[in-house]
Amino acid sequence: MEKSTINLHIHSNYSLDGTESPTRLLDQCEQKGITTVSITDHDTCVAYYNLKSTSYTGKLITGIEADAMVGKETYDILCYGFDLDEVATWTKKQYGTVEFRQKKFLQDY
């Protein structure tokens, strides 16, 4: 049986705490032998639409790290395996664009 290495919580440069492009992330995963990956950027799944040619041969699972407010507390919820177009439309309505969120974050910070 072949060994699997899985990473289901990676942020691309579409999250404020990510630095690499989605394509570069997947190329790095290929080099490290990671066989299953999910890019879980904060409140957006834009990374999946911006994947360029990559050497990654493993399984890519759609993912997002969504913010949820319960009372005055904010929680991060990891979500996987969804219809990309449906969730992309929902996140744009719910959270706005990446640029809008970054400006708001920097103003609030």
PDB file of N, CA and C in Angstrom:
ATOM      1  N   MET A   1       0.849  -1.185   0.000  1.00  0.00           N
ATOM      2  CA  MET A   1       0.000   0.000   0.000  1.00  0.00           C
ATOM      3  C   MET A   1       0.896   1.250   0.000  1.00  0.00           C
ATOM      4  N   GLU A   2       0.560   2.211  -0.856  1.00  0.00           N
ATOM      5  CA  GLU A   2       1.332   3.445  -0.967  1.00  0.00           C
ATOM      6  C   GLU A   2       1.022   4.371   0.197  1.00  0.00           C
ATOM      7  N   LYS A   3       2.067   4.999   0.735  1.00  0.00           N
ATOM      8  CA  LYS A   3       1.920   5.937   1.844  1.00  0.00           C
ATOM      9  C   LYS A   3       1.300   7.241   1.352  1.00  0.00           C
ATOM     10  N   SER A   4       0.380   7.802   2.152  1.00  0.00           N
ATOM     11  CA  SER A   4      -0.264   9.079   1.843  1.00  0.00           C
ATOM     12  C   SER A   4       0.220  10.144   2.807  1.00  0.00           C
ATOM     13  N   THR A   5       0.404  11.332   2.298  1.00  0.00           N
ATOM     14  CA  THR A   5       0.669  12.493   3.131  1.00  0.00           C
ATOM     15  C   THR A   5      -0.377  13.530   2.756  1.00  0.00           C
ATOM     16  N   ILE A   6      -1.052  14.052   3.760  1.00  0.00           N
ATOM     17  CA  ILE A   6      -2.198  14.921   3.527  1.00  0.00           C
ATOM     18  C   ILE A   6      -1.994  16.259   4.239  1.00  0.00           C
ATOM     19  N   ASN A   7      -2.356  17.350   3.552  1.00  0.00           N
ATOM     20  CA  ASN A   7      -2.391  18.669   4.186  1.00  0.00           C
ATOM     21  C   ASN A   7      -3.697  19.339   3.758  1.00  0.00           C
ATOM     22  N   LEU A   8      -4.618  19.454   4.693  1.00  0.00           N
ATOM     23  CA  LEU A   8      -5.930  20.016   4.397  1.00  0.00           C
ATOM     24  C   LEU A   8      -6.105  21.435   4.943  1.00  0.00           C
ATOM     25  N   HIS A   9      -4.989  22.127   5.216  1.00  0.00           N
ATOM     26  CA  HIS A   9      -5.086  23.484   5.757  1.00  0.00           C
ATOM     27  C   HIS A   9      -3.873  24.298   5.319  1.00  0.00           C
ATOM     28  N   ILE A  10      -3.930  24.793   4.077  1.00  0.00           N
ATOM     29  CA  ILE A  10      -2.858  25.599   3.498  1.00  0.00           C
ATOM     30  C   ILE A  10      -3.455  26.917   3.023  1.00  0.00           C
ATOM     31  N   HIS A  11      -2.743  28.031   3.278  1.00  0.00           N
ATOM     32  CA  HIS A  11      -3.189  29.341   2.813  1.00  0.00           C
ATOM     33  C   HIS A  11      -2.296  29.829   1.684  1.00  0.00           C
ATOM     34  N   SER A  12      -2.923  30.345   0.644  1.00  0.00           N
ATOM     35  CA  SER A  12      -2.181  30.956  -0.461  1.00  0.00           C
ATOM     36  C   SER A  12      -2.086  32.466  -0.214  1.00  0.00           C
ATOM     37  N   ASN A  13      -1.547  33.182  -1.183  1.00  0.00           N
ATOM     38  CA  ASN A  13      -1.448  34.636  -1.057  1.00  0.00           C
ATOM     39  C   ASN A  13      -2.807  35.334  -1.192  1.00  0.00           C
ATOM     40  N   TYR A  14      -3.881  34.577  -1.303  1.00  0.00           N
ATOM     41  CA  TYR A  14      -5.219  35.162  -1.269  1.00  0.00           C
ATOM     42  C   TYR A  14      -5.743  35.280   0.160  1.00  0.00           C
ATOM     43  N   SER A  15      -4.959  34.796   1.136  1.00  0.00           N
ATOM     44  CA  SER A  15      -5.219  35.024   2.554  1.00  0.00           C
ATOM     45  C   SER A  15      -4.167  35.994   3.059  1.00  0.00           C
ATOM     46  N   LEU A  16      -4.528  36.773   4.053  1.00  0.00           N
ATOM     47  CA  LEU A  16      -3.572  37.736   4.602  1.00  0.00           C
ATOM     48  C   LEU A  16      -2.355  37.055   5.217  1.00  0.00           C
ATOM     49  N   ASP A  17      -2.504  35.810   5.638  1.00  0.00           N
ATOM     50  CA  ASP A  17      -1.390  35.100   6.272  1.00  0.00           C
ATOM     51  C   ASP A  17      -0.718  34.092   5.337  1.00  0.00           C
ATOM     52  N   GLY A  18      -0.981  34.185   4.042  1.00  0.00           N
ATOM     53  CA  GLY A  18      -0.330  33.327   3.055  1.00  0.00           C
ATOM     54  C   GLY A  18       0.595  34.144   2.177  1.00  0.00           C
ATOM     55  N   THR A  19       1.644  33.512   1.656  1.00  0.00           N
ATOM     56  CA  THR A  19       2.618  34.259   0.854  1.00  0.00           C
ATOM     57  C   THR A  19       2.799  33.714  -0.556  1.00  0.00           C
ATOM     58  N   GLU A  20       2.493  32.465  -0.783  1.00  0.00           N
ATOM     59  CA  GLU A  20       2.754  31.831  -2.077  1.00  0.00           C
ATOM     60  C   GLU A  20       1.507  31.806  -2.953  1.00  0.00           C
ATOM     61  N   SER A  21       1.718  31.830  -4.257  1.00  0.00           N
ATOM     62  CA  SER A  21       0.603  31.684  -5.194  1.00  0.00           C
ATOM     63  C   SER A  21       0.043  30.266  -5.068  1.00  0.00           C
ATOM     64  N   PRO A  22      -1.216  30.054  -5.455  1.00  0.00           N
ATOM     65  CA  PRO A  22      -1.779  28.706  -5.405  1.00  0.00           C
ATOM     66  C   PRO A  22      -0.951  27.704  -6.221  1.00  0.00           C
ATOM     67  N   THR A  23      -0.482  28.123  -7.380  1.00  0.00           N
ATOM     68  CA  THR A  23       0.314  27.238  -8.231  1.00  0.00           C
ATOM     69  C   THR A  23       1.618  26.849  -7.536  1.00  0.00           C
ATOM     70  N   ARG A  24       2.283  27.819  -6.947  1.00  0.00           N
ATOM     71  CA  ARG A  24       3.548  27.552  -6.244  1.00  0.00           C
ATOM     72  C   ARG A  24       3.309  26.623  -5.053  1.00  0.00           C
ATOM     73  N   LEU A  25       2.217  26.816  -4.336  1.00  0.00           N
ATOM     74  CA  LEU A  25       1.894  25.930  -3.214  1.00  0.00           C
ATOM     75  C   LEU A  25       1.781  24.481  -3.669  1.00  0.00           C
ATOM     76  N   LEU A  26       1.050  24.272  -4.759  1.00  0.00           N
ATOM     77  CA  LEU A  26       0.866  22.900  -5.246  1.00  0.00           C
ATOM     78  C   LEU A  26       2.176  22.311  -5.760  1.00  0.00           C
ATOM     79  N   ASP A  27       2.994  23.124  -6.401  1.00  0.00           N
ATOM     80  CA  ASP A  27       4.308  22.637  -6.840  1.00  0.00           C
ATOM     81  C   ASP A  27       5.159  22.231  -5.646  1.00  0.00           C
ATOM     82  N   GLN A  28       5.102  23.005  -4.559  1.00  0.00           N
ATOM     83  CA  GLN A  28       5.838  22.653  -3.346  1.00  0.00           C
ATOM     84  C   GLN A  28       5.303  21.360  -2.730  1.00  0.00           C
ATOM     85  N   CYS A  29       3.985  21.191  -2.755  1.00  0.00           N
ATOM     86  CA  CYS A  29       3.380  19.949  -2.240  1.00  0.00           C
ATOM     87  C   CYS A  29       3.854  18.746  -3.047  1.00  0.00           C
ATOM     88  N   GLU A  30       3.937  18.905  -4.357  1.00  0.00           N
ATOM     89  CA  GLU A  30       4.425  17.825  -5.215  1.00  0.00           C
ATOM     90  C   GLU A  30       5.856  17.466  -4.839  1.00  0.00           C
ATOM     91  N   GLN A  31       6.694  18.467  -4.651  1.00  0.00           N
ATOM     92  CA  GLN A  31       8.099  18.240  -4.299  1.00  0.00           C
ATOM     93  C   GLN A  31       8.234  17.541  -2.955  1.00  0.00           C
ATOM     94  N   LYS A  32       7.322  17.821  -2.025  1.00  0.00           N
ATOM     95  CA  LYS A  32       7.382  17.234  -0.682  1.00  0.00           C
ATOM     96  C   LYS A  32       6.664  15.891  -0.595  1.00  0.00           C
ATOM     97  N   GLY A  33       6.020  15.472  -1.689  1.00  0.00           N
ATOM     98  CA  GLY A  33       5.326  14.190  -1.695  1.00  0.00           C
ATOM     99  C   GLY A  33       3.979  14.204  -1.004  1.00  0.00           C
ATOM    100  N   ILE A  34       3.363  15.357  -0.895  1.00  0.00           N
ATOM    101  CA  ILE A  34       2.033  15.454  -0.284  1.00  0.00           C
ATOM    102  C   ILE A  34       1.007  15.004  -1.329  1.00  0.00           C
ATOM    103  N   THR A  35       0.250  13.980  -0.986  1.00  0.00           N
ATOM    104  CA  THR A  35      -0.619  13.328  -1.963  1.00  0.00           C
ATOM    105  C   THR A  35      -2.048  13.867  -2.014  1.00  0.00           C
ATOM    106  N   THR A  36      -2.474  14.576  -0.963  1.00  0.00           N
ATOM    107  CA  THR A  36      -3.819  15.155  -0.922  1.00  0.00           C
ATOM    108  C   THR A  36      -3.714  16.538  -0.287  1.00  0.00           C
ATOM    109  N   VAL A  37      -4.300  17.537  -0.956  1.00  0.00           N
ATOM    110  CA  VAL A  37      -4.173  18.928  -0.527  1.00  0.00           C
ATOM    111  C   VAL A  37      -5.514  19.633  -0.608  1.00  0.00           C
ATOM    112  N   SER A  38      -5.711  20.588   0.312  1.00  0.00           N
ATOM    113  CA  SER A  38      -6.825  21.513   0.223  1.00  0.00           C
ATOM    114  C   SER A  38      -6.306  22.908   0.550  1.00  0.00           C
ATOM    115  N   ILE A  39      -6.504  23.844  -0.373  1.00  0.00           N
ATOM    116  CA  ILE A  39      -6.158  25.238  -0.123  1.00  0.00           C
ATOM    117  C   ILE A  39      -7.351  25.858   0.592  1.00  0.00           C
ATOM    118  N   THR A  40      -7.138  26.279   1.833  1.00  0.00           N
ATOM    119  CA  THR A  40      -8.234  26.772   2.675  1.00  0.00           C
ATOM    120  C   THR A  40      -7.993  28.232   3.054  1.00  0.00           C
ATOM    121  N   ASP A  41      -8.050  29.098   2.070  1.00  0.00           N
ATOM    122  CA  ASP A  41      -7.864  30.520   2.335  1.00  0.00           C
ATOM    123  C   ASP A  41      -9.017  31.052   3.176  1.00  0.00           C
ATOM    124  N   HIS A  42      -8.735  32.145   3.884  1.00  0.00           N
ATOM    125  CA  HIS A  42      -9.753  32.774   4.723  1.00  0.00           C
ATOM    126  C   HIS A  42     -10.833  33.427   3.862  1.00  0.00           C
ATOM    127  N   ASP A  43     -12.052  32.931   3.992  1.00  0.00           N
ATOM    128  CA  ASP A  43     -13.248  33.553   3.430  1.00  0.00           C
ATOM    129  C   ASP A  43     -13.248  33.718   1.918  1.00  0.00           C
ATOM    130  N   THR A  44     -12.430  32.957   1.205  1.00  0.00           N
ATOM    131  CA  THR A  44     -12.428  33.024  -0.251  1.00  0.00           C
ATOM    132  C   THR A  44     -11.918  31.710  -0.831  1.00  0.00           C
ATOM    133  N   CYS A  45     -12.388  31.393  -2.015  1.00  0.00           N
ATOM    134  CA  CYS A  45     -11.867  30.222  -2.735  1.00  0.00           C
ATOM    135  C   CYS A  45     -11.357  30.644  -4.109  1.00  0.00           C
ATOM    136  N   VAL A  46     -10.964  31.907  -4.238  1.00  0.00           N
ATOM    137  CA  VAL A  46     -10.447  32.464  -5.477  1.00  0.00           C
ATOM    138  C   VAL A  46      -9.207  31.716  -5.957  1.00  0.00           C
ATOM    139  N   ALA A  47      -8.427  31.191  -5.046  1.00  0.00           N
ATOM    140  CA  ALA A  47      -7.186  30.489  -5.418  1.00  0.00           C
ATOM    141  C   ALA A  47      -7.439  29.398  -6.457  1.00  0.00           C
ATOM    142  N   TYR A  48      -8.549  28.706  -6.349  1.00  0.00           N
ATOM    143  CA  TYR A  48      -8.841  27.608  -7.279  1.00  0.00           C
ATOM    144  C   TYR A  48      -9.044  28.102  -8.712  1.00  0.00           C
ATOM    145  N   TYR A  49      -9.523  29.330  -8.847  1.00  0.00           N
ATOM    146  CA  TYR A  49      -9.717  29.907 -10.177  1.00  0.00           C
ATOM    147  C   TYR A  49      -8.418  30.455 -10.761  1.00  0.00           C
ATOM    148  N   ASN A  50      -7.409  30.609  -9.920  1.00  0.00           N
ATOM    149  CA  ASN A  50      -6.155  31.207 -10.353  1.00  0.00           C
ATOM    150  C   ASN A  50      -5.002  30.216 -10.406  1.00  0.00           C
ATOM    151  N   LEU A  51      -5.318  28.943 -10.472  1.00  0.00           N
ATOM    152  CA  LEU A  51      -4.277  27.921 -10.629  1.00  0.00           C
ATOM    153  C   LEU A  51      -3.779  27.935 -12.069  1.00  0.00           C
ATOM    154  N   LYS A  52      -2.500  28.010 -12.208  1.00  0.00           N
ATOM    155  CA  LYS A  52      -1.871  27.953 -13.531  1.00  0.00           C
ATOM    156  C   LYS A  52      -1.334  26.533 -13.710  1.00  0.00           C
ATOM    157  N   SER A  53      -0.563  26.327 -14.708  1.00  0.00           N
ATOM    158  CA  SER A  53       0.053  25.020 -14.948  1.00  0.00           C
ATOM    159  C   SER A  53       0.887  24.618 -13.736  1.00  0.00           C
ATOM    160  N   THR A  54       0.640  23.440 -13.244  1.00  0.00           N
ATOM    161  CA  THR A  54       1.329  22.961 -12.048  1.00  0.00           C
ATOM    162  C   THR A  54       1.778  21.521 -12.260  1.00  0.00           C
ATOM    163  N   SER A  55       2.810  21.146 -11.541  1.00  0.00           N
ATOM    164  CA  SER A  55       3.315  19.778 -11.617  1.00  0.00           C
ATOM    165  C   SER A  55       2.579  18.849 -10.653  1.00  0.00           C
ATOM    166  N   TYR A  56       1.618  19.378  -9.908  1.00  0.00           N
ATOM    167  CA  TYR A  56       0.965  18.579  -8.874  1.00  0.00           C
ATOM    168  C   TYR A  56       0.152  17.438  -9.474  1.00  0.00           C
ATOM    169  N   THR A  57       0.407  16.238  -8.983  1.00  0.00           N
ATOM    170  CA  THR A  57      -0.284  15.047  -9.491  1.00  0.00           C
ATOM    171  C   THR A  57      -1.202  14.409  -8.450  1.00  0.00           C
ATOM    172  N   GLY A  58      -1.233  14.991  -7.255  1.00  0.00           N
ATOM    173  CA  GLY A  58      -2.057  14.441  -6.184  1.00  0.00           C
ATOM    174  C   GLY A  58      -3.505  14.862  -6.292  1.00  0.00           C
ATOM    175  N   LYS A  59      -4.250  14.565  -5.243  1.00  0.00           N
ATOM    176  CA  LYS A  59      -5.678  14.896  -5.185  1.00  0.00           C
ATOM    177  C   LYS A  59      -5.842  16.276  -4.570  1.00  0.00           C
ATOM    178  N   LEU A  60      -6.627  17.138  -5.245  1.00  0.00           N
ATOM    179  CA  LEU A  60      -6.921  18.484  -4.757  1.00  0.00           C
ATOM    180  C   LEU A  60      -8.387  18.532  -4.351  1.00  0.00           C
ATOM    181  N   ILE A  61      -8.623  18.863  -3.087  1.00  0.00           N
ATOM    182  CA  ILE A  61      -9.980  18.944  -2.540  1.00  0.00           C
ATOM    183  C   ILE A  61     -10.324  20.414  -2.338  1.00  0.00           C
ATOM    184  N   THR A  62     -11.455  20.868  -2.870  1.00  0.00           N
ATOM    185  CA  THR A  62     -11.842  22.266  -2.653  1.00  0.00           C
ATOM    186  C   THR A  62     -11.999  22.522  -1.159  1.00  0.00           C
ATOM    187  N   GLY A  63     -11.557  23.706  -0.731  1.00  0.00           N
ATOM    188  CA  GLY A  63     -11.627  24.045   0.688  1.00  0.00           C
ATOM    189  C   GLY A  63     -11.677  25.532   0.915  1.00  0.00           C
ATOM    190  N   ILE A  64     -12.098  25.895   2.113  1.00  0.00           N
ATOM    191  CA  ILE A  64     -12.152  27.295   2.544  1.00  0.00           C
ATOM    192  C   ILE A  64     -12.131  27.312   4.066  1.00  0.00           C
ATOM    193  N   GLU A  65     -11.552  28.369   4.629  1.00  0.00           N
ATOM    194  CA  GLU A  65     -11.643  28.621   6.065  1.00  0.00           C
ATOM    195  C   GLU A  65     -12.574  29.814   6.227  1.00  0.00           C
ATOM    196  N   ALA A  66     -13.803  29.539   6.619  1.00  0.00           N
ATOM    197  CA  ALA A  66     -14.839  30.566   6.686  1.00  0.00           C
ATOM    198  C   ALA A  66     -14.978  31.092   8.108  1.00  0.00           C
ATOM    199  N   ASP A  67     -15.185  32.394   8.224  1.00  0.00           N
ATOM    200  CA  ASP A  67     -15.464  33.002   9.518  1.00  0.00           C
ATOM    201  C   ASP A  67     -16.946  32.847   9.827  1.00  0.00           C
ATOM    202  N   ALA A  68     -17.235  32.577  11.084  1.00  0.00           N
ATOM    203  CA  ALA A  68     -18.613  32.492  11.535  1.00  0.00           C
ATOM    204  C   ALA A  68     -18.722  33.237  12.855  1.00  0.00           C
ATOM    205  N   MET A  69     -19.730  34.094  12.963  1.00  0.00           N
ATOM    206  CA  MET A  69     -19.956  34.833  14.211  1.00  0.00           C
ATOM    207  C   MET A  69     -21.052  34.134  15.007  1.00  0.00           C
ATOM    208  N   VAL A  70     -20.744  33.875  16.257  1.00  0.00           N
ATOM    209  CA  VAL A  70     -21.726  33.338  17.198  1.00  0.00           C
ATOM    210  C   VAL A  70     -21.728  34.314  18.368  1.00  0.00           C
ATOM    211  N   GLY A  71     -22.792  35.089  18.455  1.00  0.00           N
ATOM    212  CA  GLY A  71     -22.800  36.181  19.435  1.00  0.00           C
ATOM    213  C   GLY A  71     -21.727  37.185  19.047  1.00  0.00           C
ATOM    214  N   LYS A  72     -20.814  37.460  19.960  1.00  0.00           N
ATOM    215  CA  LYS A  72     -19.727  38.398  19.681  1.00  0.00           C
ATOM    216  C   LYS A  72     -18.424  37.677  19.383  1.00  0.00           C
ATOM    217  N   GLU A  73     -18.443  36.371  19.341  1.00  0.00           N
ATOM    218  CA  GLU A  73     -17.243  35.572  19.082  1.00  0.00           C
ATOM    219  C   GLU A  73     -17.150  35.189  17.614  1.00  0.00           C
ATOM    220  N   THR A  74     -15.941  35.222  17.069  1.00  0.00           N
ATOM    221  CA  THR A  74     -15.701  34.799  15.693  1.00  0.00           C
ATOM    222  C   THR A  74     -14.954  33.472  15.725  1.00  0.00           C
ATOM    223  N   TYR A  75     -15.416  32.526  14.914  1.00  0.00           N
ATOM    224  CA  TYR A  75     -14.799  31.209  14.823  1.00  0.00           C
ATOM    225  C   TYR A  75     -14.405  30.938  13.374  1.00  0.00           C
ATOM    226  N   ASP A  76     -13.329  30.199  13.205  1.00  0.00           N
ATOM    227  CA  ASP A  76     -12.929  29.736  11.874  1.00  0.00           C
ATOM    228  C   ASP A  76     -13.451  28.331  11.688  1.00  0.00           C
ATOM    229  N   ILE A  77     -14.116  28.105  10.556  1.00  0.00           N
ATOM    230  CA  ILE A  77     -14.668  26.791  10.248  1.00  0.00           C
ATOM    231  C   ILE A  77     -14.049  26.317   8.942  1.00  0.00           C
ATOM    232  N   LEU A  78     -13.431  25.149   8.948  1.00  0.00           N
ATOM    233  CA  LEU A  78     -12.863  24.574   7.733  1.00  0.00           C
ATOM    234  C   LEU A  78     -13.944  23.773   7.018  1.00  0.00           C
ATOM    235  N   CYS A  79     -14.102  24.042   5.719  1.00  0.00           N
ATOM    236  CA  CYS A  79     -15.132  23.393   4.908  1.00  0.00           C
ATOM    237  C   CYS A  79     -14.464  22.765   3.686  1.00  0.00           C
ATOM    238  N   TYR A  80     -14.927  21.585   3.285  1.00  0.00           N
ATOM    239  CA  TYR A  80     -14.279  20.846   2.203  1.00  0.00           C
ATOM    240  C   TYR A  80     -15.286  20.229   1.238  1.00  0.00           C
ATOM    241  N   GLY A  81     -14.815  20.036  -0.003  1.00  0.00           N
ATOM    242  CA  GLY A  81     -15.530  19.215  -0.979  1.00  0.00           C
ATOM    243  C   GLY A  81     -16.806  19.822  -1.524  1.00  0.00           C
ATOM    244  N   PHE A  82     -16.900  21.124  -1.587  1.00  0.00           N
ATOM    245  CA  PHE A  82     -18.113  21.799  -2.017  1.00  0.00           C
ATOM    246  C   PHE A  82     -18.071  22.134  -3.506  1.00  0.00           C
ATOM    247  N   ASP A  83     -19.227  22.568  -4.031  1.00  0.00           N
ATOM    248  CA  ASP A  83     -19.308  23.058  -5.398  1.00  0.00           C
ATOM    249  C   ASP A  83     -18.630  24.427  -5.436  1.00  0.00           C
ATOM    250  N   LEU A  84     -17.557  24.538  -6.174  1.00  0.00           N
ATOM    251  CA  LEU A  84     -16.720  25.734  -6.185  1.00  0.00           C
ATOM    252  C   LEU A  84     -17.478  26.988  -6.613  1.00  0.00           C
ATOM    253  N   ASP A  85     -18.212  26.925  -7.704  1.00  0.00           N
ATOM    254  CA  ASP A  85     -18.923  28.110  -8.196  1.00  0.00           C
ATOM    255  C   ASP A  85     -19.972  28.603  -7.201  1.00  0.00           C
ATOM    256  N   GLU A  86     -20.682  27.682  -6.585  1.00  0.00           N
ATOM    257  CA  GLU A  86     -21.716  28.052  -5.616  1.00  0.00           C
ATOM    258  C   GLU A  86     -21.109  28.758  -4.401  1.00  0.00           C
ATOM    259  N   VAL A  87     -20.023  28.201  -3.865  1.00  0.00           N
ATOM    260  CA  VAL A  87     -19.400  28.790  -2.679  1.00  0.00           C
ATOM    261  C   VAL A  87     -18.680  30.092  -3.029  1.00  0.00           C
ATOM    262  N   ALA A  88     -18.087  30.186  -4.205  1.00  0.00           N
ATOM    263  CA  ALA A  88     -17.419  31.431  -4.619  1.00  0.00           C
ATOM    264  C   ALA A  88     -18.432  32.574  -4.691  1.00  0.00           C
ATOM    265  N   THR A  89     -19.608  32.303  -5.226  1.00  0.00           N
ATOM    266  CA  THR A  89     -20.660  33.317  -5.303  1.00  0.00           C
ATOM    267  C   THR A  89     -21.110  33.720  -3.900  1.00  0.00           C
ATOM    268  N   TRP A  90     -21.300  32.741  -3.032  1.00  0.00           N
ATOM    269  CA  TRP A  90     -21.742  33.008  -1.660  1.00  0.00           C
ATOM    270  C   TRP A  90     -20.699  33.823  -0.897  1.00  0.00           C
ATOM    271  N   THR A  91     -19.418  33.462  -1.007  1.00  0.00           N
ATOM    272  CA  THR A  91     -18.382  34.177  -0.252  1.00  0.00           C
ATOM    273  C   THR A  91     -18.238  35.618  -0.729  1.00  0.00           C
ATOM    274  N   LYS A  92     -18.387  35.837  -2.024  1.00  0.00           N
ATOM    275  CA  LYS A  92     -18.287  37.212  -2.534  1.00  0.00           C
ATOM    276  C   LYS A  92     -19.399  38.073  -1.946  1.00  0.00           C
ATOM    277  N   LYS A  93     -20.610  37.515  -1.844  1.00  0.00           N
ATOM    278  CA  LYS A  93     -21.731  38.251  -1.242  1.00  0.00           C
ATOM    279  C   LYS A  93     -21.520  38.425   0.263  1.00  0.00           C
ATOM    280  N   GLN A  94     -21.045  37.378   0.914  1.00  0.00           N
ATOM    281  CA  GLN A  94     -20.903  37.371   2.368  1.00  0.00           C
ATOM    282  C   GLN A  94     -19.725  38.217   2.843  1.00  0.00           C
ATOM    283  N   TYR A  95     -18.587  38.080   2.185  1.00  0.00           N
ATOM    284  CA  TYR A  95     -17.349  38.679   2.673  1.00  0.00           C
ATOM    285  C   TYR A  95     -16.795  39.781   1.777  1.00  0.00           C
ATOM    286  N   GLY A  96     -17.291  39.914   0.548  1.00  0.00           N
ATOM    287  CA  GLY A  96     -16.747  40.889  -0.383  1.00  0.00           C
ATOM    288  C   GLY A  96     -15.534  40.333  -1.112  1.00  0.00           C
ATOM    289  N   THR A  97     -14.838  41.204  -1.818  1.00  0.00           N
ATOM    290  CA  THR A  97     -13.665  40.765  -2.565  1.00  0.00           C
ATOM    291  C   THR A  97     -12.455  40.675  -1.653  1.00  0.00           C
ATOM    292  N   VAL A  98     -11.425  40.015  -2.106  1.00  0.00           N
ATOM    293  CA  VAL A  98     -10.177  39.894  -1.349  1.00  0.00           C
ATOM    294  C   VAL A  98      -9.615  41.289  -1.064  1.00  0.00           C
ATOM    295  N   GLU A  99      -9.613  42.149  -2.079  1.00  0.00           N
ATOM    296  CA  GLU A  99      -9.075  43.495  -1.921  1.00  0.00           C
ATOM    297  C   GLU A  99      -9.850  44.276  -0.861  1.00  0.00           C
ATOM    298  N   PHE A 100     -11.178  44.154  -0.860  1.00  0.00           N
ATOM    299  CA  PHE A 100     -12.013  44.835   0.124  1.00  0.00           C
ATOM    300  C   PHE A 100     -11.687  44.344   1.530  1.00  0.00           C
ATOM    301  N   ARG A 101     -11.576  43.023   1.701  1.00  0.00           N
ATOM    302  CA  ARG A 101     -11.280  42.462   3.019  1.00  0.00           C
ATOM    303  C   ARG A 101      -9.911  42.903   3.512  1.00  0.00           C
ATOM    304  N   GLN A 102      -8.925  42.961   2.622  1.00  0.00           N
ATOM    305  CA  GLN A 102      -7.590  43.381   3.026  1.00  0.00           C
ATOM    306  C   GLN A 102      -7.578  44.839   3.462  1.00  0.00           C
ATOM    307  N   LYS A 103      -8.270  45.714   2.715  1.00  0.00           N
ATOM    308  CA  LYS A 103      -8.339  47.121   3.112  1.00  0.00           C
ATOM    309  C   LYS A 103      -9.029  47.277   4.462  1.00  0.00           C
ATOM    310  N   LYS A 104     -10.137  46.557   4.639  1.00  0.00           N
ATOM    311  CA  LYS A 104     -10.870  46.632   5.895  1.00  0.00           C
ATOM    312  C   LYS A 104     -10.018  46.134   7.050  1.00  0.00           C
ATOM    313  N   PHE A 105      -9.328  45.033   6.856  1.00  0.00           N
ATOM    314  CA  PHE A 105      -8.474  44.469   7.900  1.00  0.00           C
ATOM    315  C   PHE A 105      -7.397  45.472   8.284  1.00  0.00           C
ATOM    316  N   LEU A 106      -6.735  46.071   7.311  1.00  0.00           N
ATOM    317  CA  LEU A 106      -5.661  47.016   7.594  1.00  0.00           C
ATOM    318  C   LEU A 106      -6.182  48.281   8.271  1.00  0.00           C
ATOM    319  N   GLN A 107      -7.408  48.698   7.940  1.00  0.00           N
ATOM    320  CA  GLN A 107      -8.001  49.864   8.608  1.00  0.00           C
ATOM    321  C   GLN A 107      -8.352  49.535  10.046  1.00  0.00           C
ATOM    322  N   ASP A 108      -8.877  48.324  10.278  1.00  0.00           N
ATOM    323  CA  ASP A 108      -9.287  47.915  11.625  1.00  0.00           C
ATOM    324  C   ASP A 108      -8.088  47.602  12.514  1.00  0.00           C
ATOM    325  N   TYR A 109      -6.979  47.274  11.872  1.00  0.00           N
ATOM    326  CA  TYR A 109      -5.769  46.865  12.591  1.00  0.00           C
ATOM    327  C   TYR A 109      -5.053  48.061  13.075  1.00  0.00           C
TER     328      TYR A 109
END
